[in-house]
mmCIF file of all heavy atoms, coordinates in Angstrom:
data_MODEL
# 
_entry.id   MODEL 
# 
loop_
_atom_site.group_PDB 
_atom_site.id 
_atom_site.type_symbol 
_atom_site.label_atom_id 
_atom_site.label_alt_id 
_atom_site.label_comp_id 
_atom_site.label_asym_id 
_atom_site.label_entity_id 
_atom_site.label_seq_id 
_atom_site.pdbx_PDB_ins_code 
_atom_site.Cartn_x 
_atom_site.Cartn_y 
_atom_site.Cartn_z 
_atom_site.occupancy 
_atom_site.B_iso_or_equiv 
_atom_site.pdbx_formal_charge 
_atom_site.auth_seq_id 
_atom_site.auth_comp_id 
_atom_site.auth_asym_id 
_atom_site.auth_atom_id 
_atom_site.pdbx_PDB_model_num 
ATOM 1   N N   . GLN A 1 1  ? 225.762 216.439 -51.902 1.00 0.00 ? 1  GLN A N   1 
ATOM 2   C CA  . GLN A 1 1  ? 224.916 216.453 -50.641 1.00 0.00 ? 1  GLN A CA  1 
ATOM 3   C C   . GLN A 1 1  ? 225.396 215.619 -49.641 1.00 0.00 ? 1  GLN A C   1 
ATOM 4   O O   . GLN A 1 1  ? 226.110 214.571 -49.949 1.00 0.00 ? 1  GLN A O   1 
ATOM 5   C CB  . GLN A 1 1  ? 223.386 216.248 -51.019 1.00 0.00 ? 1  GLN A CB  1 
ATOM 6   C CG  . GLN A 1 1  ? 222.738 217.115 -52.068 1.00 0.00 ? 1  GLN A CG  1 
ATOM 7   C CD  . GLN A 1 1  ? 221.306 216.874 -52.139 1.00 0.00 ? 1  GLN A CD  1 
ATOM 8   O OE1 . GLN A 1 1  ? 220.792 215.798 -51.765 1.00 0.00 ? 1  GLN A OE1 1 
ATOM 9   N NE2 . GLN A 1 1  ? 220.568 217.948 -52.493 1.00 0.00 ? 1  GLN A NE2 1 
ATOM 10  N N   . PRO A 1 2  ? 225.221 215.972 -48.358 1.00 0.00 ? 2  PRO A N   1 
ATOM 11  C CA  . PRO A 1 2  ? 225.506 215.164 -47.163 1.00 0.00 ? 2  PRO A CA  1 
ATOM 12  C C   . PRO A 1 2  ? 225.013 213.782 -47.482 1.00 0.00 ? 2  PRO A C   1 
ATOM 13  O O   . PRO A 1 2  ? 223.828 213.574 -47.909 1.00 0.00 ? 2  PRO A O   1 
ATOM 14  C CB  . PRO A 1 2  ? 225.014 215.825 -45.955 1.00 0.00 ? 2  PRO A CB  1 
ATOM 15  C CG  . PRO A 1 2  ? 224.977 217.295 -46.437 1.00 0.00 ? 2  PRO A CG  1 
ATOM 16  C CD  . PRO A 1 2  ? 224.573 217.315 -47.801 1.00 0.00 ? 2  PRO A CD  1 
ATOM 17  N N   . GLY A 1 3  ? 225.791 212.710 -47.133 1.00 0.00 ? 3  GLY A N   1 
ATOM 18  C CA  . GLY A 1 3  ? 225.422 211.381 -47.352 1.00 0.00 ? 3  GLY A CA  1 
ATOM 19  C C   . GLY A 1 3  ? 225.758 210.817 -48.712 1.00 0.00 ? 3  GLY A C   1 
ATOM 20  O O   . GLY A 1 3  ? 225.619 209.553 -48.973 1.00 0.00 ? 3  GLY A O   1 
ATOM 21  N N   . GLY A 1 4  ? 226.105 211.695 -49.567 1.00 0.00 ? 4  GLY A N   1 
ATOM 22  C CA  . GLY A 1 4  ? 226.538 211.234 -50.979 1.00 0.00 ? 4  GLY A CA  1 
ATOM 23  C C   . GLY A 1 4  ? 227.908 210.660 -51.216 1.00 0.00 ? 4  GLY A C   1 
ATOM 24  O O   . GLY A 1 4  ? 228.590 210.529 -50.157 1.00 0.00 ? 4  GLY A O   1 
ATOM 25  N N   . SER A 1 5  ? 228.272 210.278 -52.371 1.00 0.00 ? 5  SER A N   1 
ATOM 26  C CA  . SER A 1 5  ? 229.426 209.852 -52.564 1.00 0.00 ? 5  SER A CA  1 
ATOM 27  C C   . SER A 1 5  ? 230.315 210.582 -53.782 1.00 0.00 ? 5  SER A C   1 
ATOM 28  O O   . SER A 1 5  ? 229.629 211.224 -54.691 1.00 0.00 ? 5  SER A O   1 
ATOM 29  C CB  . SER A 1 5  ? 229.348 208.369 -53.058 1.00 0.00 ? 5  SER A CB  1 
ATOM 30  O OG  . SER A 1 5  ? 228.765 207.619 -52.157 1.00 0.00 ? 5  SER A OG  1 
ATOM 31  N N   . LEU A 1 6  ? 231.590 210.464 -53.749 1.00 0.00 ? 6  LEU A N   1 
ATOM 32  C CA  . LEU A 1 6  ? 232.324 210.955 -54.937 1.00 0.00 ? 6  LEU A CA  1 
ATOM 33  C C   . LEU A 1 6  ? 233.621 210.029 -55.067 1.00 0.00 ? 6  LEU A C   1 
ATOM 34  O O   . LEU A 1 6  ? 234.000 209.459 -54.029 1.00 0.00 ? 6  LEU A O   1 
ATOM 35  C CB  . LEU A 1 6  ? 232.875 212.402 -54.542 1.00 0.00 ? 6  LEU A CB  1 
ATOM 36  C CG  . LEU A 1 6  ? 231.980 213.633 -54.883 1.00 0.00 ? 6  LEU A CG  1 
ATOM 37  C CD1 . LEU A 1 6  ? 232.796 214.866 -54.338 1.00 0.00 ? 6  LEU A CD1 1 
ATOM 38  C CD2 . LEU A 1 6  ? 231.604 213.665 -56.317 1.00 0.00 ? 6  LEU A CD2 1 
ATOM 39  N N   . ARG A 1 7  ? 234.165 210.024 -56.256 1.00 0.00 ? 7  ARG A N   1 
ATOM 40  C CA  . ARG A 1 7  ? 235.379 209.332 -56.511 1.00 0.00 ? 7  ARG A CA  1 
ATOM 41  C C   . ARG A 1 7  ? 236.407 210.205 -57.012 1.00 0.00 ? 7  ARG A C   1 
ATOM 42  O O   . ARG A 1 7  ? 236.107 210.700 -58.125 1.00 0.00 ? 7  ARG A O   1 
ATOM 43  C CB  . ARG A 1 7  ? 235.136 208.099 -57.394 1.00 0.00 ? 7  ARG A CB  1 
ATOM 44  C CG  . ARG A 1 7  ? 236.356 207.120 -57.447 1.00 0.00 ? 7  ARG A CG  1 
ATOM 45  C CD  . ARG A 1 7  ? 236.052 206.112 -58.552 1.00 0.00 ? 7  ARG A CD  1 
ATOM 46  N NE  . ARG A 1 7  ? 236.956 205.000 -58.532 1.00 0.00 ? 7  ARG A NE  1 
ATOM 47  C CZ  . ARG A 1 7  ? 237.205 204.146 -59.487 1.00 0.00 ? 7  ARG A CZ  1 
ATOM 48  N NH1 . ARG A 1 7  ? 236.795 204.523 -60.662 1.00 0.00 ? 7  ARG A NH1 1 
ATOM 49  N NH2 . ARG A 1 7  ? 237.983 203.056 -59.299 1.00 0.00 ? 7  ARG A NH2 1 
ATOM 50  N N   . LEU A 1 8  ? 237.447 210.432 -56.308 1.00 0.00 ? 8  LEU A N   1 
ATOM 51  C CA  . LEU A 1 8  ? 238.682 211.166 -56.767 1.00 0.00 ? 8  LEU A CA  1 
ATOM 52  C C   . LEU A 1 8  ? 239.590 210.445 -57.448 1.00 0.00 ? 8  LEU A C   1 
ATOM 53  O O   . LEU A 1 8  ? 239.764 209.269 -57.080 1.00 0.00 ? 8  LEU A O   1 
ATOM 54  C CB  . LEU A 1 8  ? 239.280 211.945 -55.637 1.00 0.00 ? 8  LEU A CB  1 
ATOM 55  C CG  . LEU A 1 8  ? 238.427 212.827 -54.833 1.00 0.00 ? 8  LEU A CG  1 
ATOM 56  C CD1 . LEU A 1 8  ? 239.242 213.566 -53.666 1.00 0.00 ? 8  LEU A CD1 1 
ATOM 57  C CD2 . LEU A 1 8  ? 237.524 213.837 -55.598 1.00 0.00 ? 8  LEU A CD2 1 
ATOM 58  N N   . SER A 1 9  ? 240.210 210.912 -58.582 1.00 0.00 ? 9  SER A N   1 
ATOM 59  C CA  . SER A 1 9  ? 241.307 210.195 -59.187 1.00 0.00 ? 9  SER A CA  1 
ATOM 60  C C   . SER A 1 9  ? 242.601 211.028 -59.199 1.00 0.00 ? 9  SER A C   1 
ATOM 61  O O   . SER A 1 9  ? 242.537 212.256 -59.253 1.00 0.00 ? 9  SER A O   1 
ATOM 62  C CB  . SER A 1 9  ? 240.897 209.977 -60.664 1.00 0.00 ? 9  SER A CB  1 
ATOM 63  O OG  . SER A 1 9  ? 239.662 209.210 -60.744 1.00 0.00 ? 9  SER A OG  1 
ATOM 64  N N   . CYS A 1 10 ? 243.725 210.315 -59.274 1.00 0.00 ? 10 CYS A N   1 
ATOM 65  C CA  . CYS A 1 10 ? 244.994 211.043 -59.398 1.00 0.00 ? 10 CYS A CA  1 
ATOM 66  C C   . CYS A 1 10 ? 245.888 210.301 -60.355 1.00 0.00 ? 10 CYS A C   1 
ATOM 67  O O   . CYS A 1 10 ? 246.063 209.073 -60.297 1.00 0.00 ? 10 CYS A O   1 
ATOM 68  C CB  . CYS A 1 10 ? 245.669 211.037 -58.096 1.00 0.00 ? 10 CYS A CB  1 
ATOM 69  S SG  . CYS A 1 10 ? 247.313 211.620 -58.105 1.00 0.00 ? 10 CYS A SG  1 
ATOM 70  N N   . VAL A 1 11 ? 246.186 210.864 -61.482 1.00 0.00 ? 11 VAL A N   1 
ATOM 71  C CA  . VAL A 1 11 ? 247.003 210.334 -62.540 1.00 0.00 ? 11 VAL A CA  1 
ATOM 72  C C   . VAL A 1 11 ? 248.363 210.849 -62.384 1.00 0.00 ? 11 VAL A C   1 
ATOM 73  O O   . VAL A 1 11 ? 248.577 212.027 -62.333 1.00 0.00 ? 11 VAL A O   1 
ATOM 74  C CB  . VAL A 1 11 ? 246.432 210.531 -63.957 1.00 0.00 ? 11 VAL A CB  1 
ATOM 75  C CG1 . VAL A 1 11 ? 247.369 210.010 -64.978 1.00 0.00 ? 11 VAL A CG1 1 
ATOM 76  C CG2 . VAL A 1 11 ? 245.061 210.100 -64.022 1.00 0.00 ? 11 VAL A CG2 1 
ATOM 77  N N   . ALA A 1 12 ? 249.361 209.813 -62.278 1.00 0.00 ? 12 ALA A N   1 
ATOM 78  C CA  . ALA A 1 12 ? 250.720 210.207 -62.195 1.00 0.00 ? 12 ALA A CA  1 
ATOM 79  C C   . ALA A 1 12 ? 251.495 210.029 -63.463 1.00 0.00 ? 12 ALA A C   1 
ATOM 80  O O   . ALA A 1 12 ? 251.161 209.176 -64.266 1.00 0.00 ? 12 ALA A O   1 
ATOM 81  C CB  . ALA A 1 12 ? 251.368 209.392 -61.067 1.00 0.00 ? 12 ALA A CB  1 
ATOM 82  N N   . SER A 1 13 ? 252.486 210.943 -63.707 1.00 0.00 ? 13 SER A N   1 
ATOM 83  C CA  . SER A 1 13 ? 253.298 210.801 -64.800 1.00 0.00 ? 13 SER A CA  1 
ATOM 84  C C   . SER A 1 13 ? 254.696 211.115 -64.653 1.00 0.00 ? 13 SER A C   1 
ATOM 85  O O   . SER A 1 13 ? 255.018 211.827 -63.589 1.00 0.00 ? 13 SER A O   1 
ATOM 86  C CB  . SER A 1 13 ? 252.734 211.699 -65.994 1.00 0.00 ? 13 SER A CB  1 
ATOM 87  O OG  . SER A 1 13 ? 252.833 212.907 -65.708 1.00 0.00 ? 13 SER A OG  1 
ATOM 88  N N   . GLY A 1 14 ? 255.680 210.810 -65.403 1.00 0.00 ? 14 GLY A N   1 
ATOM 89  C CA  . GLY A 1 14 ? 257.024 210.990 -65.113 1.00 0.00 ? 14 GLY A CA  1 
ATOM 90  C C   . GLY A 1 14 ? 257.719 209.859 -64.614 1.00 0.00 ? 14 GLY A C   1 
ATOM 91  O O   . GLY A 1 14 ? 257.410 208.658 -64.979 1.00 0.00 ? 14 GLY A O   1 
ATOM 92  N N   . SER A 1 15 ? 258.543 210.047 -63.547 1.00 0.00 ? 15 SER A N   1 
ATOM 93  C CA  . SER A 1 15 ? 259.366 208.883 -62.995 1.00 0.00 ? 15 SER A CA  1 
ATOM 94  C C   . SER A 1 15 ? 258.404 208.130 -62.012 1.00 0.00 ? 15 SER A C   1 
ATOM 95  O O   . SER A 1 15 ? 258.769 208.087 -60.868 1.00 0.00 ? 15 SER A O   1 
ATOM 96  C CB  . SER A 1 15 ? 260.623 209.419 -62.282 1.00 0.00 ? 15 SER A CB  1 
ATOM 97  O OG  . SER A 1 15 ? 261.353 210.045 -63.231 1.00 0.00 ? 15 SER A OG  1 
ATOM 98  N N   . THR A 1 16 ? 257.429 207.466 -62.409 1.00 0.00 ? 16 THR A N   1 
ATOM 99  C CA  . THR A 1 16 ? 256.479 206.866 -61.452 1.00 0.00 ? 16 THR A CA  1 
ATOM 100 C C   . THR A 1 16 ? 256.969 205.543 -60.985 1.00 0.00 ? 16 THR A C   1 
ATOM 101 O O   . THR A 1 16 ? 256.537 205.082 -59.902 1.00 0.00 ? 16 THR A O   1 
ATOM 102 C CB  . THR A 1 16 ? 255.051 206.544 -62.214 1.00 0.00 ? 16 THR A CB  1 
ATOM 103 O OG1 . THR A 1 16 ? 255.419 205.776 -63.364 1.00 0.00 ? 16 THR A OG1 1 
ATOM 104 C CG2 . THR A 1 16 ? 254.506 207.838 -62.672 1.00 0.00 ? 16 THR A CG2 1 
ATOM 105 N N   . GLY A 1 17 ? 258.010 205.062 -61.538 1.00 0.00 ? 17 GLY A N   1 
ATOM 106 C CA  . GLY A 1 17 ? 258.604 203.764 -60.962 1.00 0.00 ? 17 GLY A CA  1 
ATOM 107 C C   . GLY A 1 17 ? 259.380 204.040 -59.712 1.00 0.00 ? 17 GLY A C   1 
ATOM 108 O O   . GLY A 1 17 ? 259.559 203.068 -58.935 1.00 0.00 ? 17 GLY A O   1 
ATOM 109 N N   . SER A 1 18 ? 259.643 205.226 -59.328 1.00 0.00 ? 18 SER A N   1 
ATOM 110 C CA  . SER A 1 18 ? 260.275 205.516 -58.163 1.00 0.00 ? 18 SER A CA  1 
ATOM 111 C C   . SER A 1 18 ? 259.460 205.908 -56.986 1.00 0.00 ? 18 SER A C   1 
ATOM 112 O O   . SER A 1 18 ? 259.922 206.199 -55.922 1.00 0.00 ? 18 SER A O   1 
ATOM 113 C CB  . SER A 1 18 ? 261.358 206.656 -58.477 1.00 0.00 ? 18 SER A CB  1 
ATOM 114 O OG  . SER A 1 18 ? 260.637 207.831 -58.861 1.00 0.00 ? 18 SER A OG  1 
ATOM 115 N N   . ILE A 1 19 ? 258.116 205.832 -57.206 1.00 0.00 ? 19 ILE A N   1 
ATOM 116 C CA  . ILE A 1 19 ? 257.199 206.225 -56.227 1.00 0.00 ? 19 ILE A CA  1 
ATOM 117 C C   . ILE A 1 19 ? 257.214 205.114 -55.078 1.00 0.00 ? 19 ILE A C   1 
ATOM 118 O O   . ILE A 1 19 ? 256.970 203.982 -55.364 1.00 0.00 ? 19 ILE A O   1 
ATOM 119 C CB  . ILE A 1 19 ? 255.770 206.420 -56.666 1.00 0.00 ? 19 ILE A CB  1 
ATOM 120 C CG1 . ILE A 1 19 ? 255.691 207.588 -57.700 1.00 0.00 ? 19 ILE A CG1 1 
ATOM 121 C CG2 . ILE A 1 19 ? 254.873 206.587 -55.549 1.00 0.00 ? 19 ILE A CG2 1 
ATOM 122 C CD1 . ILE A 1 19 ? 254.416 207.884 -58.319 1.00 0.00 ? 19 ILE A CD1 1 
ATOM 123 N N   . VAL A 1 20 ? 257.411 205.487 -53.857 1.00 0.00 ? 20 VAL A N   1 
ATOM 124 C CA  . VAL A 1 20 ? 257.433 204.668 -52.652 1.00 0.00 ? 20 VAL A CA  1 
ATOM 125 C C   . VAL A 1 20 ? 256.091 204.483 -52.194 1.00 0.00 ? 20 VAL A C   1 
ATOM 126 O O   . VAL A 1 20 ? 255.579 203.365 -51.896 1.00 0.00 ? 20 VAL A O   1 
ATOM 127 C CB  . VAL A 1 20 ? 258.351 205.128 -51.601 1.00 0.00 ? 20 VAL A CB  1 
ATOM 128 C CG1 . VAL A 1 20 ? 258.260 204.223 -50.355 1.00 0.00 ? 20 VAL A CG1 1 
ATOM 129 C CG2 . VAL A 1 20 ? 259.789 205.218 -51.970 1.00 0.00 ? 20 VAL A CG2 1 
ATOM 130 N N   . HIS A 1 21 ? 255.356 205.564 -51.885 1.00 0.00 ? 21 HIS A N   1 
ATOM 131 C CA  . HIS A 1 21 ? 253.964 205.492 -51.487 1.00 0.00 ? 21 HIS A CA  1 
ATOM 132 C C   . HIS A 1 21 ? 253.156 206.745 -52.081 1.00 0.00 ? 21 HIS A C   1 
ATOM 133 O O   . HIS A 1 21 ? 253.866 207.762 -52.404 1.00 0.00 ? 21 HIS A O   1 
ATOM 134 C CB  . HIS A 1 21 ? 253.731 205.369 -50.030 1.00 0.00 ? 21 HIS A CB  1 
ATOM 135 C CG  . HIS A 1 21 ? 254.292 206.396 -49.234 1.00 0.00 ? 21 HIS A CG  1 
ATOM 136 N ND1 . HIS A 1 21 ? 255.450 206.376 -48.601 1.00 0.00 ? 21 HIS A ND1 1 
ATOM 137 C CD2 . HIS A 1 21 ? 253.874 207.771 -49.001 1.00 0.00 ? 21 HIS A CD2 1 
ATOM 138 C CE1 . HIS A 1 21 ? 255.761 207.596 -47.927 1.00 0.00 ? 21 HIS A CE1 1 
ATOM 139 N NE2 . HIS A 1 21 ? 254.733 208.304 -48.102 1.00 0.00 ? 21 HIS A NE2 1 
ATOM 140 N N   . MET A 1 22 ? 251.945 206.696 -52.073 1.00 0.00 ? 22 MET A N   1 
ATOM 141 C CA  . MET A 1 22 ? 250.960 207.718 -52.433 1.00 0.00 ? 22 MET A CA  1 
ATOM 142 C C   . MET A 1 22 ? 249.971 207.917 -51.490 1.00 0.00 ? 22 MET A C   1 
ATOM 143 O O   . MET A 1 22 ? 249.692 207.010 -50.722 1.00 0.00 ? 22 MET A O   1 
ATOM 144 C CB  . MET A 1 22 ? 250.396 207.382 -53.763 1.00 0.00 ? 22 MET A CB  1 
ATOM 145 C CG  . MET A 1 22 ? 251.350 207.299 -54.964 1.00 0.00 ? 22 MET A CG  1 
ATOM 146 S SD  . MET A 1 22 ? 250.584 207.030 -56.549 1.00 0.00 ? 22 MET A SD  1 
ATOM 147 C CE  . MET A 1 22 ? 249.963 208.783 -56.942 1.00 0.00 ? 22 MET A CE  1 
ATOM 148 N N   . ALA A 1 23 ? 249.348 209.105 -51.391 1.00 0.00 ? 23 ALA A N   1 
ATOM 149 C CA  . ALA A 1 23 ? 248.468 209.458 -50.442 1.00 0.00 ? 23 ALA A CA  1 
ATOM 150 C C   . ALA A 1 23 ? 247.457 210.532 -50.965 1.00 0.00 ? 23 ALA A C   1 
ATOM 151 O O   . ALA A 1 23 ? 247.715 211.265 -51.904 1.00 0.00 ? 23 ALA A O   1 
ATOM 152 C CB  . ALA A 1 23 ? 249.141 209.938 -49.079 1.00 0.00 ? 23 ALA A CB  1 
ATOM 153 N N   . TRP A 1 24 ? 246.333 210.694 -50.188 1.00 0.00 ? 24 TRP A N   1 
ATOM 154 C CA  . TRP A 1 24 ? 245.481 211.779 -50.296 1.00 0.00 ? 24 TRP A CA  1 
ATOM 155 C C   . TRP A 1 24 ? 245.501 212.692 -49.124 1.00 0.00 ? 24 TRP A C   1 
ATOM 156 O O   . TRP A 1 24 ? 245.547 212.110 -47.868 1.00 0.00 ? 24 TRP A O   1 
ATOM 157 C CB  . TRP A 1 24 ? 244.072 211.376 -50.459 1.00 0.00 ? 24 TRP A CB  1 
ATOM 158 C CG  . TRP A 1 24 ? 243.826 210.793 -51.870 1.00 0.00 ? 24 TRP A CG  1 
ATOM 159 C CD1 . TRP A 1 24 ? 243.842 209.429 -52.242 1.00 0.00 ? 24 TRP A CD1 1 
ATOM 160 C CD2 . TRP A 1 24 ? 243.491 211.477 -53.137 1.00 0.00 ? 24 TRP A CD2 1 
ATOM 161 N NE1 . TRP A 1 24 ? 243.545 209.197 -53.460 1.00 0.00 ? 24 TRP A NE1 1 
ATOM 162 C CE2 . TRP A 1 24 ? 243.286 210.482 -54.171 1.00 0.00 ? 24 TRP A CE2 1 
ATOM 163 C CE3 . TRP A 1 24 ? 243.408 212.723 -53.534 1.00 0.00 ? 24 TRP A CE3 1 
ATOM 164 C CZ2 . TRP A 1 24 ? 243.069 210.793 -55.480 1.00 0.00 ? 24 TRP A CZ2 1 
ATOM 165 C CZ3 . TRP A 1 24 ? 243.088 213.048 -54.779 1.00 0.00 ? 24 TRP A CZ3 1 
ATOM 166 C CH2 . TRP A 1 24 ? 242.926 212.106 -55.689 1.00 0.00 ? 24 TRP A CH2 1 
ATOM 167 N N   . TYR A 1 25 ? 245.653 213.930 -49.219 1.00 0.00 ? 25 TYR A N   1 
ATOM 168 C CA  . TYR A 1 25 ? 245.704 214.885 -48.151 1.00 0.00 ? 25 TYR A CA  1 
ATOM 169 C C   . TYR A 1 25 ? 244.443 215.833 -48.461 1.00 0.00 ? 25 TYR A C   1 
ATOM 170 O O   . TYR A 1 25 ? 243.800 215.873 -49.587 1.00 0.00 ? 25 TYR A O   1 
ATOM 171 C CB  . TYR A 1 25 ? 246.844 215.777 -48.025 1.00 0.00 ? 25 TYR A CB  1 
ATOM 172 C CG  . TYR A 1 25 ? 248.126 214.971 -47.444 1.00 0.00 ? 25 TYR A CG  1 
ATOM 173 C CD1 . TYR A 1 25 ? 248.805 214.030 -48.152 1.00 0.00 ? 25 TYR A CD1 1 
ATOM 174 C CD2 . TYR A 1 25 ? 248.488 215.317 -46.184 1.00 0.00 ? 25 TYR A CD2 1 
ATOM 175 C CE1 . TYR A 1 25 ? 249.828 213.383 -47.569 1.00 0.00 ? 25 TYR A CE1 1 
ATOM 176 C CE2 . TYR A 1 25 ? 249.485 214.687 -45.582 1.00 0.00 ? 25 TYR A CE2 1 
ATOM 177 C CZ  . TYR A 1 25 ? 250.242 213.681 -46.246 1.00 0.00 ? 25 TYR A CZ  1 
ATOM 178 O OH  . TYR A 1 25 ? 251.310 213.125 -45.752 1.00 0.00 ? 25 TYR A OH  1 
# 
């Protein structure tokens, strides 16, 4: 509902050590 909250998660796998930055679109 409007005014409410949610928490999104993103789990990465693979060559995660090469990640420069992450983002939400």
